[in-house]
C-alpha atoms as a PDB file:
ATOM      1  CA  UNK A   1     -19.629  11.703  -7.115  1.00  0.00           C
ATOM      2  CA  UNK A   2     -19.205   8.162  -8.448  1.00  0.00           C
ATOM      3  CA  UNK A   3     -20.213   5.235  -6.223  1.00  0.00           C
ATOM      4  CA  UNK A   4     -18.329   1.947  -6.050  1.00  0.00           C
ATOM      5  CA  UNK A   5     -19.010  -1.049  -3.831  1.00  0.00           C
ATOM      6  CA  UNK A   6     -16.033  -2.503  -1.962  1.00  0.00           C
ATOM      7  CA  UNK A   7     -16.536  -6.119  -0.942  1.00  0.00           C
ATOM      8  CA  UNK A   8     -14.414  -6.894   2.112  1.00  0.00           C
ATOM      9  CA  UNK A   9     -14.793  -8.219   5.615  1.00  0.00           C
ATOM     10  CA  UNK A  10     -11.786  -6.143   6.717  1.00  0.00           C
ATOM     11  CA  UNK A  11     -12.748  -2.767   8.246  1.00  0.00           C
ATOM     12  CA  UNK A  12      -9.141  -1.530   8.032  1.00  0.00           C
ATOM     13  CA  UNK A  13      -9.023  -2.076   4.273  1.00  0.00           C
ATOM     14  CA  UNK A  14     -12.387  -0.388   3.877  1.00  0.00           C
ATOM     15  CA  UNK A  15     -11.301   2.740   5.795  1.00  0.00           C
ATOM     16  CA  UNK A  16      -8.072   2.996   3.810  1.00  0.00           C
ATOM     17  CA  UNK A  17      -9.889   2.638   0.471  1.00  0.00           C
ATOM     18  CA  UNK A  18     -12.592   5.101   1.507  1.00  0.00           C
ATOM     19  CA  UNK A  19     -10.021   7.729   2.517  1.00  0.00           C
ATOM     20  CA  UNK A  20      -7.907   7.276  -0.616  1.00  0.00           C
ATOM     21  CA  UNK A  21     -10.752   7.141  -3.153  1.00  0.00           C
ATOM     22  CA  UNK A  22     -12.573  10.119  -1.635  1.00  0.00           C
ATOM     23  CA  UNK A  23      -9.774  12.259  -3.089  1.00  0.00           C
ATOM     24  CA  UNK A  24     -10.687  10.970  -6.552  1.00  0.00           C
ATOM     25  CA  UNK A  25     -14.387  11.778  -6.334  1.00  0.00           C
ATOM     26  CA  UNK A  26     -15.603   8.314  -5.317  1.00  0.00           C
ATOM     27  CA  UNK A  27     -18.061   7.365  -2.624  1.00  0.00           C
ATOM     28  CA  UNK A  28     -17.402   3.850  -1.375  1.00  0.00           C
ATOM     29  CA  UNK A  29     -20.216   1.594  -0.216  1.00  0.00           C
ATOM     30  CA  UNK A  30     -19.026  -1.171   2.101  1.00  0.00           C
ATOM     31  CA  UNK A  31     -20.343  -4.634   1.282  1.00  0.00           C
ATOM     32  CA  UNK A  32     -19.251  -6.592   4.353  1.00  0.00           C
ATOM     33  CA  UNK A  33     -19.160 -10.097   2.986  1.00  0.00           C
ATOM     34  CA  UNK A  34     -16.809 -13.034   3.334  1.00  0.00           C
ATOM     35  CA  UNK A  35     -16.077 -14.845   0.106  1.00  0.00           C
ATOM     36  CA  UNK A  36     -13.923 -17.804  -0.883  1.00  0.00           C
ATOM     37  CA  UNK A  37     -10.255 -17.071  -1.480  1.00  0.00           C
ATOM     38  CA  UNK A  38      -8.378 -19.899  -3.112  1.00  0.00           C
ATOM     39  CA  UNK A  39      -4.746 -20.635  -2.338  1.00  0.00           C
ATOM     40  CA  UNK A  40      -2.823 -19.858  -5.518  1.00  0.00           C
ATOM     41  CA  UNK A  41       0.640 -18.824  -6.619  1.00  0.00           C
ATOM     42  CA  UNK A  42      -0.310 -15.257  -7.543  1.00  0.00           C
ATOM     43  CA  UNK A  43      -2.501 -12.549  -6.073  1.00  0.00           C
ATOM     44  CA  UNK A  44      -4.078 -12.023  -9.495  1.00  0.00           C
ATOM     45  CA  UNK A  45      -5.283 -15.652  -9.649  1.00  0.00           C
ATOM     46  CA  UNK A  46      -6.847 -15.314  -6.205  1.00  0.00           C
ATOM     47  CA  UNK A  47      -8.576 -12.045  -7.100  1.00  0.00           C
ATOM     48  CA  UNK A  48      -9.942 -13.275 -10.431  1.00  0.00           C
ATOM     49  CA  UNK A  49     -11.376 -16.427  -8.836  1.00  0.00           C
ATOM     50  CA  UNK A  50     -13.086 -14.374  -6.116  1.00  0.00           C
ATOM     51  CA  UNK A  51     -14.421 -11.841  -8.657  1.00  0.00           C
ATOM     52  CA  UNK A  52     -16.070 -14.636 -10.631  1.00  0.00           C
ATOM     53  CA  UNK A  53     -17.764 -16.022  -7.503  1.00  0.00           C
ATOM     54  CA  UNK A  54     -18.883 -12.579  -6.309  1.00  0.00           C
ATOM     55  CA  UNK A  55     -20.179 -11.501  -9.730  1.00  0.00           C
ATOM     56  CA  UNK A  56     -23.072 -13.909  -9.269  1.00  0.00           C
ATOM     57  CA  UNK A  57     -23.938 -12.401  -5.876  1.00  0.00           C
ATOM     58  CA  UNK A  58     -23.078  -8.678  -5.790  1.00  0.00           C
ATOM     59  CA  UNK A  59     -24.453  -5.812  -7.866  1.00  0.00           C
ATOM     60  CA  UNK A  60     -21.858  -4.280 -10.161  1.00  0.00           C
ATOM     61  CA  UNK A  61     -19.736  -2.210 -10.241  1.00  0.00           C
ATOM     62  CA  UNK A  62     -17.777  -3.512  -7.268  1.00  0.00           C
ATOM     63  CA  UNK A  63     -14.176  -4.199  -6.362  1.00  0.00           C
ATOM     64  CA  UNK A  64     -12.140  -6.402  -4.057  1.00  0.00           C
ATOM     65  CA  UNK A  65      -8.502  -6.276  -2.985  1.00  0.00           C
ATOM     66  CA  UNK A  66      -5.890  -8.824  -1.995  1.00  0.00           C
ATOM     67  CA  UNK A  67      -2.413  -8.001  -0.781  1.00  0.00           C
ATOM     68  CA  UNK A  68       0.772  -9.844   0.022  1.00  0.00           C
ATOM     69  CA  UNK A  69       4.159  -9.245   1.572  1.00  0.00           C
ATOM     70  CA  UNK A  70       6.946 -10.647  -0.619  1.00  0.00           C
ATOM     71  CA  UNK A  71      10.274 -11.002   1.231  1.00  0.00           C
ATOM     72  CA  UNK A  72      13.141 -11.228  -1.248  1.00  0.00           C
ATOM     73  CA  UNK A  73      15.527 -13.395   0.821  1.00  0.00           C
ATOM     74  CA  UNK A  74      12.675 -15.865   1.525  1.00  0.00           C
ATOM     75  CA  UNK A  75      11.960 -16.319  -2.210  1.00  0.00           C
ATOM     76  CA  UNK A  76       8.868 -14.125  -2.036  1.00  0.00           C
ATOM     77  CA  UNK A  77       7.394 -15.800   1.062  1.00  0.00           C
ATOM     78  CA  UNK A  78       4.743 -15.299   2.368  1.00  0.00           C
ATOM     79  CA  UNK A  79       3.491 -13.656  -0.869  1.00  0.00           C
ATOM     80  CA  UNK A  80      -0.038 -14.754  -1.799  1.00  0.00           C
ATOM     81  CA  UNK A  81      -0.212 -16.752   1.446  1.00  0.00           C
ATOM     82  CA  UNK A  82       0.234 -13.637   3.606  1.00  0.00           C
ATOM     83  CA  UNK A  83      -3.160 -13.749   5.296  1.00  0.00           C
ATOM     84  CA  UNK A  84      -2.710 -17.367   6.369  1.00  0.00           C
ATOM     85  CA  UNK A  85       0.891 -16.775   7.448  1.00  0.00           C
ATOM     86  CA  UNK A  86      -0.111 -13.732   9.472  1.00  0.00           C
ATOM     87  CA  UNK A  87      -2.830 -15.739  11.252  1.00  0.00           C
ATOM     88  CA  UNK A  88      -0.479 -18.627  12.006  1.00  0.00           C
ATOM     89  CA  UNK A  89       2.949 -17.002  12.521  1.00  0.00           C
ATOM     90  CA  UNK A  90       2.186 -13.315  12.953  1.00  0.00           C
ATOM     91  CA  UNK A  91       4.813 -10.601  12.921  1.00  0.00           C
ATOM     92  CA  UNK A  92       6.801 -12.428  15.593  1.00  0.00           C
ATOM     93  CA  UNK A  93       7.102 -15.502  13.368  1.00  0.00           C
ATOM     94  CA  UNK A  94       8.288 -13.502  10.369  1.00  0.00           C
ATOM     95  CA  UNK A  95      10.901 -11.732  12.507  1.00  0.00           C
ATOM     96  CA  UNK A  96      12.039 -15.128  13.853  1.00  0.00           C
ATOM     97  CA  UNK A  97      12.466 -16.399  10.265  1.00  0.00           C
ATOM     98  CA  UNK A  98      14.484 -13.265   9.459  1.00  0.00           C
ATOM     99  CA  UNK A  99      16.690 -13.418  12.583  1.00  0.00           C
ATOM    100  CA  UNK A 100      20.043 -14.077  10.894  1.00  0.00           C
ATOM    101  CA  UNK A 101      19.193 -12.689   7.462  1.00  0.00           C
ATOM    102  CA  UNK A 102      20.996  -9.525   6.357  1.00  0.00           C
ATOM    103  CA  UNK A 103      19.034  -8.945   3.122  1.00  0.00           C
ATOM    104  CA  UNK A 104      15.770  -7.575   4.512  1.00  0.00           C
ATOM    105  CA  UNK A 105      14.347  -6.229   1.235  1.00  0.00           C
ATOM    106  CA  UNK A 106      10.630  -6.802   0.721  1.00  0.00           C
ATOM    107  CA  UNK A 107       7.826  -5.709  -1.566  1.00  0.00           C
ATOM    108  CA  UNK A 108       4.224  -5.198  -0.486  1.00  0.00           C
ATOM    109  CA  UNK A 109       1.846  -5.847  -3.390  1.00  0.00           C
ATOM    110  CA  UNK A 110      -1.853  -5.068  -3.791  1.00  0.00           C
ATOM    111  CA  UNK A 111      -4.138  -6.363  -6.519  1.00  0.00           C
ATOM    112  CA  UNK A 112      -7.535  -4.745  -7.005  1.00  0.00           C
ATOM    113  CA  UNK A 113     -10.165  -6.712  -8.877  1.00  0.00           C
ATOM    114  CA  UNK A 114     -12.959  -4.649 -10.432  1.00  0.00           C
ATOM    115  CA  UNK A 115     -16.218  -6.045 -11.867  1.00  0.00           C
ATOM    116  CA  UNK A 116     -18.011  -3.728 -14.301  1.00  0.00           C
ATOM    117  CA  UNK A 117     -20.664  -4.770 -16.831  1.00  0.00           C
ATOM    118  CA  UNK A 118     -19.803  -8.463 -16.355  1.00  0.00           C
ATOM    119  CA  UNK A 119     -16.139  -7.849 -17.200  1.00  0.00           C
ATOM    120  CA  UNK A 120     -13.230  -8.209 -14.789  1.00  0.00           C
ATOM    121  CA  UNK A 121     -10.191  -5.942 -14.552  1.00  0.00           C
ATOM    122  CA  UNK A 122      -7.141  -6.018 -12.286  1.00  0.00           C
ATOM    123  CA  UNK A 123      -4.844  -3.235 -11.081  1.00  0.00           C
ATOM    124  CA  UNK A 124      -1.567  -3.863  -9.251  1.00  0.00           C
ATOM    125  CA  UNK A 125       0.311  -1.550  -6.911  1.00  0.00           C
ATOM    126  CA  UNK A 126       3.664  -2.224  -5.267  1.00  0.00           C
ATOM    127  CA  UNK A 127       5.764  -0.566  -2.597  1.00  0.00           C
ATOM    128  CA  UNK A 128       9.366  -1.584  -2.042  1.00  0.00           C
ATOM    129  CA  UNK A 129      10.888  -1.545   1.393  1.00  0.00           C
ATOM    130  CA  UNK A 130      12.476  -3.597   4.156  1.00  0.00           C
ATOM    131  CA  UNK A 131      11.563  -5.829   7.072  1.00  0.00           C
ATOM    132  CA  UNK A 132      12.210  -4.092  10.404  1.00  0.00           C
ATOM    133  CA  UNK A 133      14.350  -5.658  13.136  1.00  0.00           C
ATOM    134  CA  UNK A 134      11.437  -5.457  15.602  1.00  0.00           C
ATOM    135  CA  UNK A 135       7.715  -4.774  15.784  1.00  0.00           C
ATOM    136  CA  UNK A 136       7.157  -1.013  15.725  1.00  0.00           C
ATOM    137  CA  UNK A 137       3.763   0.649  15.904  1.00  0.00           C
ATOM    138  CA  UNK A 138       0.306  -0.782  16.388  1.00  0.00           C
ATOM    139  CA  UNK A 139      -1.623  -0.957  13.135  1.00  0.00           C
ATOM    140  CA  UNK A 140      -2.881  -4.194  11.628  1.00  0.00           C
ATOM    141  CA  UNK A 141      -1.309  -7.019   9.662  1.00  0.00           C
ATOM    142  CA  UNK A 142       2.333  -6.762   8.700  1.00  0.00           C
ATOM    143  CA  UNK A 143       2.279  -2.936   8.999  1.00  0.00           C
ATOM    144  CA  UNK A 144       4.410  -2.939  12.206  1.00  0.00           C
ATOM    145  CA  UNK A 145       7.315  -4.743  10.474  1.00  0.00           C
ATOM    146  CA  UNK A 146       7.297  -3.243   6.944  1.00  0.00           C
ATOM    147  CA  UNK A 147       9.417  -0.128   6.327  1.00  0.00           C
ATOM    148  CA  UNK A 148       8.610   1.465   2.941  1.00  0.00           C
ATOM    149  CA  UNK A 149      11.479   3.118   1.081  1.00  0.00           C
ATOM    150  CA  UNK A 150      11.797   6.886   1.353  1.00  0.00           C
ATOM    151  CA  UNK A 151       9.935   7.578   4.605  1.00  0.00           C
ATOM    152  CA  UNK A 152      12.810   7.953   7.017  1.00  0.00           C
ATOM    153  CA  UNK A 153      12.883   4.389   8.341  1.00  0.00           C
ATOM    154  CA  UNK A 154       9.353   4.358   9.762  1.00  0.00           C
ATOM    155  CA  UNK A 155       7.132   1.290   9.497  1.00  0.00           C
ATOM    156  CA  UNK A 156       3.688   1.521   7.918  1.00  0.00           C
ATOM    157  CA  UNK A 157       2.307   1.343  11.462  1.00  0.00           C
ATOM    158  CA  UNK A 158       4.465   4.245  12.658  1.00  0.00           C
ATOM    159  CA  UNK A 159       3.302   6.319   9.691  1.00  0.00           C
ATOM    160  CA  UNK A 160      -0.340   6.093  10.805  1.00  0.00           C
ATOM    161  CA  UNK A 161      -2.627   7.823   8.278  1.00  0.00           C
ATOM    162  CA  UNK A 162       0.429   8.934   6.272  1.00  0.00           C
ATOM    163  CA  UNK A 163       0.720   5.287   5.193  1.00  0.00           C
ATOM    164  CA  UNK A 164      -2.014   6.090   2.667  1.00  0.00           C
ATOM    165  CA  UNK A 165       0.381   8.439   0.862  1.00  0.00           C
ATOM    166  CA  UNK A 166       2.896   5.694  -0.004  1.00  0.00           C
ATOM    167  CA  UNK A 167       1.138   2.353   0.314  1.00  0.00           C
ATOM    168  CA  UNK A 168       0.819  -0.449  -2.219  1.00  0.00           C
ATOM    169  CA  UNK A 169      -2.961  -0.251  -1.764  1.00  0.00           C
ATOM    170  CA  UNK A 170      -2.995   3.448  -2.648  1.00  0.00           C
ATOM    171  CA  UNK A 171      -1.137   2.722  -5.878  1.00  0.00           C
ATOM    172  CA  UNK A 172      -3.568   0.008  -7.007  1.00  0.00           C
ATOM    173  CA  UNK A 173      -6.599   2.097  -5.960  1.00  0.00           C
ATOM    174  CA  UNK A 174      -5.271   5.101  -7.920  1.00  0.00           C
ATOM    175  CA  UNK A 175      -4.856   2.958 -11.033  1.00  0.00           C
ATOM    176  CA  UNK A 176      -8.412   1.666 -10.685  1.00  0.00           C
ATOM    177  CA  UNK A 177      -9.873   5.130 -10.022  1.00  0.00           C
ATOM    178  CA  UNK A 178      -8.077   6.603 -13.024  1.00  0.00           C
ATOM    179  CA  UNK A 179      -9.226   3.787 -15.321  1.00  0.00           C
ATOM    180  CA  UNK A 180     -12.802   3.849 -14.001  1.00  0.00           C
ATOM    181  CA  UNK A 181     -13.055   7.619 -14.428  1.00  0.00           C
ATOM    182  CA  UNK A 182     -11.900   7.402 -18.067  1.00  0.00           C
ATOM    183  CA  UNK A 183     -13.782   4.283 -19.164  1.00  0.00           C
ATOM    184  CA  UNK A 184     -17.080   4.302 -17.269  1.00  0.00           C
ATOM    185  CA  UNK A 185     -19.435   7.198 -17.879  1.00  0.00           C
ATOM    186  CA  UNK A 186     -22.269   6.309 -15.517  1.00  0.00           C
ATOM    187  CA  UNK A 187     -22.287   7.530 -11.871  1.00  0.00           C
END
């Protein structure tokens, strides 16, 4: 079984990654560490900046993840600012912004940053869906208001553990696991 370190201060992200990557023969070691996240226009910029900072402090190989909710009718807002927007507006604030908007399409994006042998790689996963009319379910972040396509109208939060079958994070983690398994020969 291959071991990877996941640097995150978010226990929810760690549990999701652990569950998903276990199916690919990975053991995940949690490095609970806060690190600087710049404000930037893309998730990839944020991830690459954080990888550089962490590479001087964390034994490789390790990975990090950043995610954002991109609402089409709001020109991609909150996008890479999702964490800040969630802390300041929350789900209630997003629903208030969407009150009179008919186009509720949204995309949840995840970017994984992987540091291996002093090189940095990124993997992006996306899930298309819609913003719900109300908060439904009780998971974390924007999960109670995001309805992924093809799951019968349930929010990520209502899906519970089944979220891991369709999530943006799963898609980016699968890309990383596949690449790592092909390219890196050491355990």
